[in-house]
Amino acid sequence: MSAEALIASIEKLLKLHRSLYELAIKKTDIIKNGDMEALSQMLNDEQTHITAIEHMEKERQRAAKALAPQNEQPKVSDCTKSLEVNDQDKFARLTDELVHLIFNLKEQNYLNQQLIYQSQQFVNLSMSLLRPQTENINYGPPTKNIKPSDQNAQGMFNSKA
């Protein structure tokens, strides 16, 4: 029973990660188009997926612990040893596919992160071009708007006295 529960939880995790990967690919297009409302909705959808993945991961851990009770946190290799031969092949295939999918998801999220960073840099550049420059504050006589009476009195000490 534990082997079936473990394989079922891995299959569900694989399904959830596939769906999350598809969302990450869609998010790339949304970022490129600059659609903030769709991006906000996409983030909510991703959060729902992440919550479901966390729940399934807890179930997977319980099934793995039941299958290999001698280990506090059983690894894939510990679980594989406890499975029958026909389940070992299926389990190994599913875990390999899950690892590959998680790697692809990580790469896609990194791409999305870079696109968002570049968009932010572009917005900052545009804002700095549109924003008026602050006046340069230096010590010394002002270079503009000098009144004729101020031209003779440039300091508090008059050396001609």
N, C-alpha and C. Protein backbone atom coordinates (compact mmCIF):
# COMPACT_ATOMS: atom_id res chain seq x y z
N MET A 1 0.83 -1.20 0.00
CA MET A 1 0.00 0.00 0.00
C MET A 1 0.86 1.25 0.00
N SER A 2 1.96 1.25 0.74
CA SER A 2 2.84 2.41 0.81
C SER A 2 3.48 2.71 -0.54
N ALA A 3 3.84 1.64 -1.26
CA ALA A 3 4.45 1.83 -2.57
C ALA A 3 3.46 2.48 -3.53
N GLU A 4 2.23 2.05 -3.50
CA GLU A 4 1.20 2.62 -4.36
C GLU A 4 0.96 4.09 -4.00
N ALA A 5 0.92 4.38 -2.71
CA ALA A 5 0.72 5.76 -2.26
C ALA A 5 1.89 6.65 -2.67
N LEU A 6 3.10 6.12 -2.57
CA LEU A 6 4.28 6.89 -2.96
C LEU A 6 4.28 7.17 -4.46
N ILE A 7 4.00 6.17 -5.25
CA ILE A 7 3.98 6.35 -6.71
C ILE A 7 2.85 7.29 -7.11
N ALA A 8 1.70 7.17 -6.46
CA ALA A 8 0.57 8.07 -6.76
C ALA A 8 0.92 9.51 -6.40
N SER A 9 1.60 9.71 -5.28
CA SER A 9 1.96 11.08 -4.89
C SER A 9 3.00 11.67 -5.85
N ILE A 10 3.93 10.83 -6.32
CA ILE A 10 4.92 11.31 -7.30
C ILE A 10 4.22 11.68 -8.60
N GLU A 11 3.25 10.86 -9.02
CA GLU A 11 2.50 11.17 -10.26
C GLU A 11 1.74 12.48 -10.12
N LYS A 12 1.13 12.70 -8.96
CA LYS A 12 0.40 13.96 -8.74
C LYS A 12 1.37 15.15 -8.71
N LEU A 13 2.52 14.96 -8.07
CA LEU A 13 3.53 16.02 -8.06
C LEU A 13 4.00 16.34 -9.48
N LEU A 14 4.18 15.31 -10.27
CA LEU A 14 4.59 15.49 -11.66
C LEU A 14 3.53 16.27 -12.44
N LYS A 15 2.29 15.94 -12.24
CA LYS A 15 1.19 16.64 -12.91
C LYS A 15 1.14 18.11 -12.49
N LEU A 16 1.28 18.37 -11.19
CA LEU A 16 1.24 19.75 -10.70
C LEU A 16 2.43 20.56 -11.22
N HIS A 17 3.60 19.93 -11.26
CA HIS A 17 4.78 20.64 -11.76
C HIS A 17 4.67 20.91 -13.27
N ARG A 18 4.08 20.00 -14.02
CA ARG A 18 3.86 20.25 -15.45
C ARG A 18 2.96 21.47 -15.64
N SER A 19 1.89 21.51 -14.85
CA SER A 19 0.97 22.63 -14.93
C SER A 19 1.67 23.94 -14.54
N LEU A 20 2.50 23.89 -13.51
CA LEU A 20 3.23 25.07 -13.08
C LEU A 20 4.24 25.51 -14.15
N TYR A 21 4.86 24.55 -14.82
CA TYR A 21 5.79 24.86 -15.90
C TYR A 21 5.06 25.54 -17.07
N GLU A 22 3.87 25.05 -17.39
CA GLU A 22 3.07 25.69 -18.45
C GLU A 22 2.72 27.13 -18.06
N LEU A 23 2.41 27.34 -16.79
CA LEU A 23 2.13 28.71 -16.33
C LEU A 23 3.37 29.59 -16.45
N ALA A 24 4.53 29.03 -16.16
CA ALA A 24 5.77 29.80 -16.26
C ALA A 24 6.05 30.21 -17.71
N ILE A 25 5.74 29.33 -18.65
CA ILE A 25 5.92 29.65 -20.07
C ILE A 25 4.94 30.75 -20.48
N LYS A 26 3.70 30.65 -20.02
CA LYS A 26 2.71 31.69 -20.32
C LYS A 26 3.12 33.02 -19.68
N LYS A 27 3.72 32.93 -18.49
CA LYS A 27 4.14 34.15 -17.80
C LYS A 27 5.21 34.88 -18.61
N THR A 28 6.06 34.15 -19.29
CA THR A 28 7.09 34.77 -20.13
C THR A 28 6.44 35.66 -21.19
N ASP A 29 5.41 35.15 -21.84
CA ASP A 29 4.71 35.95 -22.86
C ASP A 29 4.01 37.15 -22.23
N ILE A 30 3.45 36.96 -21.06
CA ILE A 30 2.76 38.06 -20.38
C ILE A 30 3.76 39.15 -20.01
N ILE A 31 4.93 38.76 -19.54
CA ILE A 31 5.96 39.74 -19.18
C ILE A 31 6.41 40.49 -20.43
N LYS A 32 6.60 39.77 -21.52
CA LYS A 32 7.03 40.41 -22.76
C LYS A 32 6.00 41.42 -23.26
N ASN A 33 4.71 41.10 -23.06
CA ASN A 33 3.64 42.01 -23.49
C ASN A 33 3.40 43.14 -22.50
N GLY A 34 3.86 42.99 -21.28
CA GLY A 34 3.70 44.03 -20.27
C GLY A 34 2.29 44.12 -19.72
N ASP A 35 1.54 43.04 -19.73
CA ASP A 35 0.16 43.03 -19.24
C ASP A 35 0.16 42.79 -17.73
N MET A 36 0.02 43.86 -16.97
CA MET A 36 0.13 43.77 -15.51
C MET A 36 -1.06 43.04 -14.88
N GLU A 37 -2.26 43.20 -15.43
CA GLU A 37 -3.42 42.51 -14.87
C GLU A 37 -3.29 41.00 -15.05
N ALA A 38 -2.87 40.59 -16.24
CA ALA A 38 -2.69 39.17 -16.49
C ALA A 38 -1.55 38.61 -15.64
N LEU A 39 -0.52 39.40 -15.42
CA LEU A 39 0.59 38.97 -14.58
C LEU A 39 0.13 38.78 -13.14
N SER A 40 -0.69 39.67 -12.67
CA SER A 40 -1.22 39.55 -11.31
C SER A 40 -2.06 38.28 -11.18
N GLN A 41 -2.90 38.01 -12.17
CA GLN A 41 -3.71 36.79 -12.15
C GLN A 41 -2.82 35.55 -12.23
N MET A 42 -1.78 35.63 -13.04
CA MET A 42 -0.86 34.51 -13.19
C MET A 42 -0.16 34.21 -11.86
N LEU A 43 0.22 35.25 -11.13
CA LEU A 43 0.87 35.05 -9.83
C LEU A 43 -0.08 34.38 -8.84
N ASN A 44 -1.36 34.74 -8.89
CA ASN A 44 -2.35 34.08 -8.03
C ASN A 44 -2.48 32.60 -8.39
N ASP A 45 -2.51 32.31 -9.70
CA ASP A 45 -2.61 30.92 -10.15
C ASP A 45 -1.37 30.12 -9.71
N GLU A 46 -0.20 30.74 -9.85
CA GLU A 46 1.02 30.07 -9.42
C GLU A 46 1.01 29.79 -7.92
N GLN A 47 0.51 30.73 -7.15
CA GLN A 47 0.46 30.54 -5.70
C GLN A 47 -0.46 29.37 -5.34
N THR A 48 -1.56 29.22 -6.07
CA THR A 48 -2.46 28.09 -5.86
C THR A 48 -1.74 26.78 -6.15
N HIS A 49 -0.98 26.75 -7.25
CA HIS A 49 -0.23 25.56 -7.61
C HIS A 49 0.83 25.23 -6.55
N ILE A 50 1.50 26.24 -6.08
CA ILE A 50 2.56 26.03 -5.08
C ILE A 50 1.98 25.47 -3.79
N THR A 51 0.81 25.96 -3.40
CA THR A 51 0.15 25.44 -2.20
C THR A 51 -0.21 23.96 -2.38
N ALA A 52 -0.73 23.62 -3.56
CA ALA A 52 -1.07 22.22 -3.84
C ALA A 52 0.18 21.35 -3.87
N ILE A 53 1.27 21.87 -4.43
CA ILE A 53 2.53 21.12 -4.47
C ILE A 53 3.05 20.88 -3.06
N GLU A 54 2.97 21.89 -2.21
CA GLU A 54 3.41 21.71 -0.82
C GLU A 54 2.59 20.63 -0.12
N HIS A 55 1.29 20.62 -0.36
CA HIS A 55 0.42 19.60 0.24
C HIS A 55 0.79 18.21 -0.26
N MET A 56 1.01 18.08 -1.57
CA MET A 56 1.38 16.78 -2.15
C MET A 56 2.77 16.34 -1.67
N GLU A 57 3.66 17.29 -1.49
CA GLU A 57 5.01 16.95 -1.00
C GLU A 57 4.93 16.37 0.41
N LYS A 58 4.04 16.90 1.24
CA LYS A 58 3.86 16.35 2.59
C LYS A 58 3.31 14.92 2.51
N GLU A 59 2.39 14.69 1.58
CA GLU A 59 1.86 13.34 1.40
C GLU A 59 2.95 12.40 0.92
N ARG A 60 3.79 12.86 0.01
CA ARG A 60 4.89 12.04 -0.51
C ARG A 60 5.85 11.69 0.62
N GLN A 61 6.13 12.66 1.48
CA GLN A 61 7.04 12.41 2.60
C GLN A 61 6.45 11.38 3.57
N ARG A 62 5.14 11.46 3.81
CA ARG A 62 4.49 10.48 4.69
C ARG A 62 4.58 9.08 4.07
N ALA A 63 4.32 8.99 2.76
CA ALA A 63 4.37 7.68 2.09
C ALA A 63 5.80 7.13 2.09
N ALA A 64 6.77 8.01 1.88
CA ALA A 64 8.17 7.57 1.89
C ALA A 64 8.57 7.11 3.28
N LYS A 65 8.11 7.81 4.29
CA LYS A 65 8.43 7.44 5.67
C LYS A 65 7.80 6.10 6.03
N ALA A 66 6.60 5.84 5.52
CA ALA A 66 5.95 4.55 5.78
C ALA A 66 6.67 3.43 5.04
N LEU A 67 7.23 3.73 3.89
CA LEU A 67 7.93 2.73 3.09
C LEU A 67 9.32 2.43 3.64
N ALA A 68 9.98 3.45 4.17
CA ALA A 68 11.33 3.28 4.73
C ALA A 68 11.37 3.90 6.12
N PRO A 69 10.77 3.23 7.11
CA PRO A 69 10.67 3.82 8.46
C PRO A 69 12.01 3.91 9.19
N GLN A 70 13.03 3.22 8.72
CA GLN A 70 14.32 3.27 9.39
C GLN A 70 15.02 4.61 9.22
N ASN A 71 14.62 5.39 8.23
CA ASN A 71 15.23 6.70 7.97
C ASN A 71 14.28 7.81 8.38
N GLU A 72 14.85 8.87 8.96
CA GLU A 72 14.04 10.02 9.36
C GLU A 72 13.45 10.72 8.14
N GLN A 73 14.28 10.99 7.15
CA GLN A 73 13.84 11.59 5.89
C GLN A 73 14.36 10.72 4.75
N PRO A 74 13.58 9.73 4.35
CA PRO A 74 14.04 8.80 3.33
C PRO A 74 14.30 9.47 1.99
N LYS A 75 15.36 9.04 1.34
CA LYS A 75 15.71 9.54 0.02
C LYS A 75 15.11 8.61 -1.02
N VAL A 76 15.24 9.00 -2.28
CA VAL A 76 14.71 8.20 -3.37
C VAL A 76 15.34 6.82 -3.36
N SER A 77 16.65 6.78 -3.15
CA SER A 77 17.34 5.48 -3.14
C SER A 77 16.86 4.59 -2.00
N ASP A 78 16.53 5.17 -0.86
CA ASP A 78 16.00 4.39 0.26
C ASP A 78 14.64 3.79 -0.09
N CYS A 79 13.83 4.58 -0.75
CA CYS A 79 12.50 4.10 -1.14
C CYS A 79 12.59 3.06 -2.24
N THR A 80 13.51 3.25 -3.17
CA THR A 80 13.66 2.31 -4.28
C THR A 80 14.01 0.92 -3.77
N LYS A 81 14.84 0.85 -2.75
CA LYS A 81 15.24 -0.45 -2.17
C LYS A 81 14.05 -1.20 -1.59
N SER A 82 13.05 -0.45 -1.11
CA SER A 82 11.90 -1.07 -0.46
C SER A 82 10.80 -1.46 -1.44
N LEU A 83 10.94 -1.09 -2.70
CA LEU A 83 9.91 -1.38 -3.70
C LEU A 83 10.16 -2.71 -4.39
N GLU A 84 9.09 -3.24 -4.98
CA GLU A 84 9.22 -4.43 -5.80
C GLU A 84 9.87 -4.05 -7.12
N VAL A 85 10.35 -5.02 -7.85
CA VAL A 85 11.12 -4.77 -9.08
C VAL A 85 10.30 -4.00 -10.11
N ASN A 86 9.05 -4.40 -10.34
CA ASN A 86 8.25 -3.69 -11.35
C ASN A 86 7.91 -2.27 -10.91
N ASP A 87 7.76 -2.04 -9.60
CA ASP A 87 7.51 -0.69 -9.10
C ASP A 87 8.78 0.16 -9.11
N GLN A 88 9.93 -0.48 -8.98
CA GLN A 88 11.20 0.25 -8.99
C GLN A 88 11.42 0.98 -10.32
N ASP A 89 11.12 0.31 -11.42
CA ASP A 89 11.30 0.93 -12.73
C ASP A 89 10.38 2.13 -12.91
N LYS A 90 9.13 1.94 -12.55
CA LYS A 90 8.15 3.03 -12.68
C LYS A 90 8.53 4.20 -11.77
N PHE A 91 8.93 3.89 -10.55
CA PHE A 91 9.32 4.92 -9.59
C PHE A 91 10.55 5.68 -10.07
N ALA A 92 11.54 4.97 -10.58
CA ALA A 92 12.76 5.61 -11.09
C ALA A 92 12.44 6.50 -12.29
N ARG A 93 11.58 6.04 -13.18
CA ARG A 93 11.20 6.84 -14.35
C ARG A 93 10.48 8.11 -13.92
N LEU A 94 9.55 7.96 -12.98
CA LEU A 94 8.78 9.12 -12.52
C LEU A 94 9.67 10.14 -11.80
N THR A 95 10.56 9.66 -10.96
CA THR A 95 11.44 10.60 -10.24
C THR A 95 12.41 11.30 -11.19
N ASP A 96 12.91 10.56 -12.18
CA ASP A 96 13.80 11.19 -13.17
C ASP A 96 13.05 12.26 -13.96
N GLU A 97 11.83 11.96 -14.34
CA GLU A 97 11.02 12.92 -15.08
C GLU A 97 10.72 14.15 -14.22
N LEU A 98 10.45 13.92 -12.94
CA LEU A 98 10.17 15.03 -12.03
C LEU A 98 11.40 15.92 -11.85
N VAL A 99 12.56 15.31 -11.70
CA VAL A 99 13.80 16.08 -11.55
C VAL A 99 14.06 16.91 -12.81
N HIS A 100 13.86 16.31 -13.97
CA HIS A 100 14.07 17.02 -15.23
C HIS A 100 13.09 18.19 -15.37
N LEU A 101 11.84 17.94 -15.01
CA LEU A 101 10.82 18.99 -15.09
C LEU A 101 11.11 20.13 -14.12
N ILE A 102 11.55 19.82 -12.93
CA ILE A 102 11.89 20.86 -11.95
C ILE A 102 13.07 21.69 -12.44
N PHE A 103 14.03 21.04 -13.08
CA PHE A 103 15.17 21.78 -13.65
C PHE A 103 14.69 22.74 -14.74
N ASN A 104 13.81 22.27 -15.62
CA ASN A 104 13.26 23.15 -16.67
C ASN A 104 12.46 24.30 -16.08
N LEU A 105 11.70 24.01 -15.04
CA LEU A 105 10.92 25.05 -14.37
C LEU A 105 11.83 26.09 -13.74
N LYS A 106 12.91 25.64 -13.16
CA LYS A 106 13.89 26.56 -12.56
C LYS A 106 14.49 27.47 -13.63
N GLU A 107 14.84 26.90 -14.78
CA GLU A 107 15.40 27.68 -15.88
C GLU A 107 14.38 28.70 -16.41
N GLN A 108 13.14 28.29 -16.55
CA GLN A 108 12.09 29.19 -17.05
C GLN A 108 11.85 30.32 -16.05
N ASN A 109 11.85 30.01 -14.77
CA ASN A 109 11.68 31.05 -13.76
C ASN A 109 12.85 32.02 -13.74
N TYR A 110 14.05 31.52 -14.00
CA TYR A 110 15.22 32.39 -14.08
C TYR A 110 15.08 33.34 -15.27
N LEU A 111 14.62 32.82 -16.40
CA LEU A 111 14.38 33.67 -17.57
C LEU A 111 13.34 34.75 -17.25
N ASN A 112 12.26 34.37 -16.60
CA ASN A 112 11.23 35.34 -16.22
C ASN A 112 11.79 36.39 -15.26
N GLN A 113 12.61 35.97 -14.35
CA GLN A 113 13.24 36.90 -13.41
C GLN A 113 14.11 37.91 -14.16
N GLN A 114 14.88 37.44 -15.13
CA GLN A 114 15.74 38.33 -15.91
C GLN A 114 14.90 39.30 -16.74
N LEU A 115 13.80 38.82 -17.32
CA LEU A 115 12.92 39.71 -18.10
C LEU A 115 12.31 40.79 -17.22
N ILE A 116 11.91 40.43 -16.02
CA ILE A 116 11.33 41.42 -15.10
C ILE A 116 12.40 42.42 -14.69
N TYR A 117 13.60 41.95 -14.43
CA TYR A 117 14.69 42.85 -14.05
C TYR A 117 14.99 43.84 -15.18
N GLN A 118 15.04 43.34 -16.41
CA GLN A 118 15.30 44.23 -17.56
C GLN A 118 14.16 45.23 -17.75
N SER A 119 12.94 44.79 -17.52
CA SER A 119 11.80 45.72 -17.62
C SER A 119 11.90 46.80 -16.55
N GLN A 120 12.30 46.40 -15.37
CA GLN A 120 12.47 47.37 -14.29
C GLN A 120 13.58 48.36 -14.61
N GLN A 121 14.67 47.88 -15.17
CA GLN A 121 15.77 48.77 -15.56
C GLN A 121 15.30 49.76 -16.63
N PHE A 122 14.52 49.30 -17.58
CA PHE A 122 14.00 50.17 -18.63
C PHE A 122 13.08 51.24 -18.04
N VAL A 123 12.23 50.85 -17.11
CA VAL A 123 11.33 51.82 -16.47
C VAL A 123 12.14 52.84 -15.69
N ASN A 124 13.15 52.39 -14.96
CA ASN A 124 13.99 53.32 -14.20
C ASN A 124 14.73 54.29 -15.12
N LEU A 125 15.23 53.80 -16.24
CA LEU A 125 15.90 54.65 -17.21
C LEU A 125 14.94 55.68 -17.79
N SER A 126 13.75 55.24 -18.14
CA SER A 126 12.74 56.15 -18.70
C SER A 126 12.36 57.21 -17.69
N MET A 127 12.21 56.79 -16.43
CA MET A 127 11.84 57.76 -15.39
C MET A 127 12.96 58.77 -15.17
N SER A 128 14.19 58.35 -15.21
CA SER A 128 15.30 59.28 -14.99
C SER A 128 15.44 60.25 -16.16
N LEU A 129 15.05 59.82 -17.36
CA LEU A 129 15.08 60.74 -18.50
C LEU A 129 13.96 61.76 -18.45
N LEU A 130 12.82 61.36 -17.91
CA LEU A 130 11.67 62.26 -17.82
C LEU A 130 11.72 63.18 -16.61
N ARG A 131 12.37 62.75 -15.57
CA ARG A 131 12.47 63.50 -14.34
C ARG A 131 13.45 64.65 -14.51
N PRO A 132 13.13 65.83 -14.00
CA PRO A 132 14.12 66.92 -14.07
C PRO A 132 15.30 66.62 -13.15
N GLN A 133 16.46 67.04 -13.59
CA GLN A 133 17.67 66.80 -12.82
C GLN A 133 17.68 67.72 -11.60
N THR A 134 18.14 67.21 -10.50
CA THR A 134 18.23 68.03 -9.29
C THR A 134 19.38 69.02 -9.46
N GLU A 135 19.23 70.16 -8.81
CA GLU A 135 20.24 71.20 -8.92
C GLU A 135 21.51 70.73 -8.22
N ASN A 136 22.63 70.96 -8.86
CA ASN A 136 23.92 70.57 -8.30
C ASN A 136 24.25 71.51 -7.14
N ILE A 137 24.41 70.96 -5.97
CA ILE A 137 24.70 71.77 -4.78
C ILE A 137 26.19 71.69 -4.52
N ASN A 138 26.88 72.81 -4.76
CA ASN A 138 28.32 72.91 -4.53
C ASN A 138 28.61 74.13 -3.68
N TYR A 139 29.74 74.10 -3.05
CA TYR A 139 30.18 75.27 -2.31
C TYR A 139 30.84 76.23 -3.28
N GLY A 140 30.56 77.49 -3.12
CA GLY A 140 31.15 78.50 -3.99
C GLY A 140 30.09 79.47 -4.46
N PRO A 141 30.51 80.45 -5.23
CA PRO A 141 29.55 81.44 -5.69
C PRO A 141 28.59 80.83 -6.71
N PRO A 142 27.35 81.26 -6.68
CA PRO A 142 26.40 80.76 -7.66
C PRO A 142 26.79 81.24 -9.06
N THR A 143 26.50 80.43 -10.05
CA THR A 143 26.88 80.79 -11.42
C THR A 143 25.76 81.51 -12.15
N LYS A 144 24.54 81.44 -11.65
CA LYS A 144 23.40 82.09 -12.30
C LYS A 144 22.71 83.00 -11.31
N ASN A 145 21.96 83.92 -11.84
CA ASN A 145 21.13 84.83 -11.04
C ASN A 145 21.93 85.60 -10.00
N ILE A 146 23.07 86.14 -10.37
CA ILE A 146 23.88 86.95 -9.45
C ILE A 146 23.38 88.39 -9.54
N LYS A 147 23.03 88.94 -8.40
CA LYS A 147 22.58 90.33 -8.35
C LYS A 147 23.81 91.23 -8.38
N PRO A 148 23.71 92.44 -8.97
CA PRO A 148 24.87 93.33 -9.03
C PRO A 148 25.40 93.69 -7.65
N SER A 149 24.57 93.80 -6.65
CA SER A 149 25.06 94.16 -5.32
C SER A 149 25.80 92.99 -4.66
N ASP A 150 25.49 91.76 -5.08
CA ASP A 150 26.14 90.59 -4.52
C ASP A 150 27.50 90.33 -5.15
N GLN A 151 27.80 90.94 -6.30
CA GLN A 151 29.05 90.67 -6.97
C GLN A 151 30.24 91.18 -6.17
N ASN A 152 30.11 92.28 -5.46
CA ASN A 152 31.21 92.85 -4.68
C ASN A 152 31.36 92.17 -3.34
N ALA A 153 30.27 91.66 -2.81
CA ALA A 153 30.30 91.05 -1.47
C ALA A 153 30.27 89.54 -1.60
N GLN A 154 31.40 88.95 -1.96
CA GLN A 154 31.42 87.51 -2.14
C GLN A 154 31.75 86.77 -0.86
N GLY A 155 32.19 87.43 0.14
CA GLY A 155 32.49 86.77 1.40
C GLY A 155 32.24 87.70 2.54
N MET A 156 32.44 87.23 3.75
CA MET A 156 32.23 88.05 4.93
C MET A 156 33.47 88.90 5.23
N PHE A 157 34.61 88.54 4.74
CA PHE A 157 35.84 89.24 5.03
C PHE A 157 36.21 90.10 3.83
N ASN A 158 36.36 91.38 4.05
CA ASN A 158 36.74 92.29 2.97
C ASN A 158 38.23 92.55 3.08
N SER A 159 38.97 92.08 2.12
CA SER A 159 40.43 92.20 2.19
C SER A 159 40.91 93.63 1.88
N LYS A 160 40.10 94.49 1.31
CA LYS A 160 40.48 95.84 0.98
C LYS A 160 40.41 96.78 2.19
N ALA A 161 39.83 96.37 3.24
CA ALA A 161 39.66 97.27 4.38
C ALA A 161 40.89 97.52 5.13
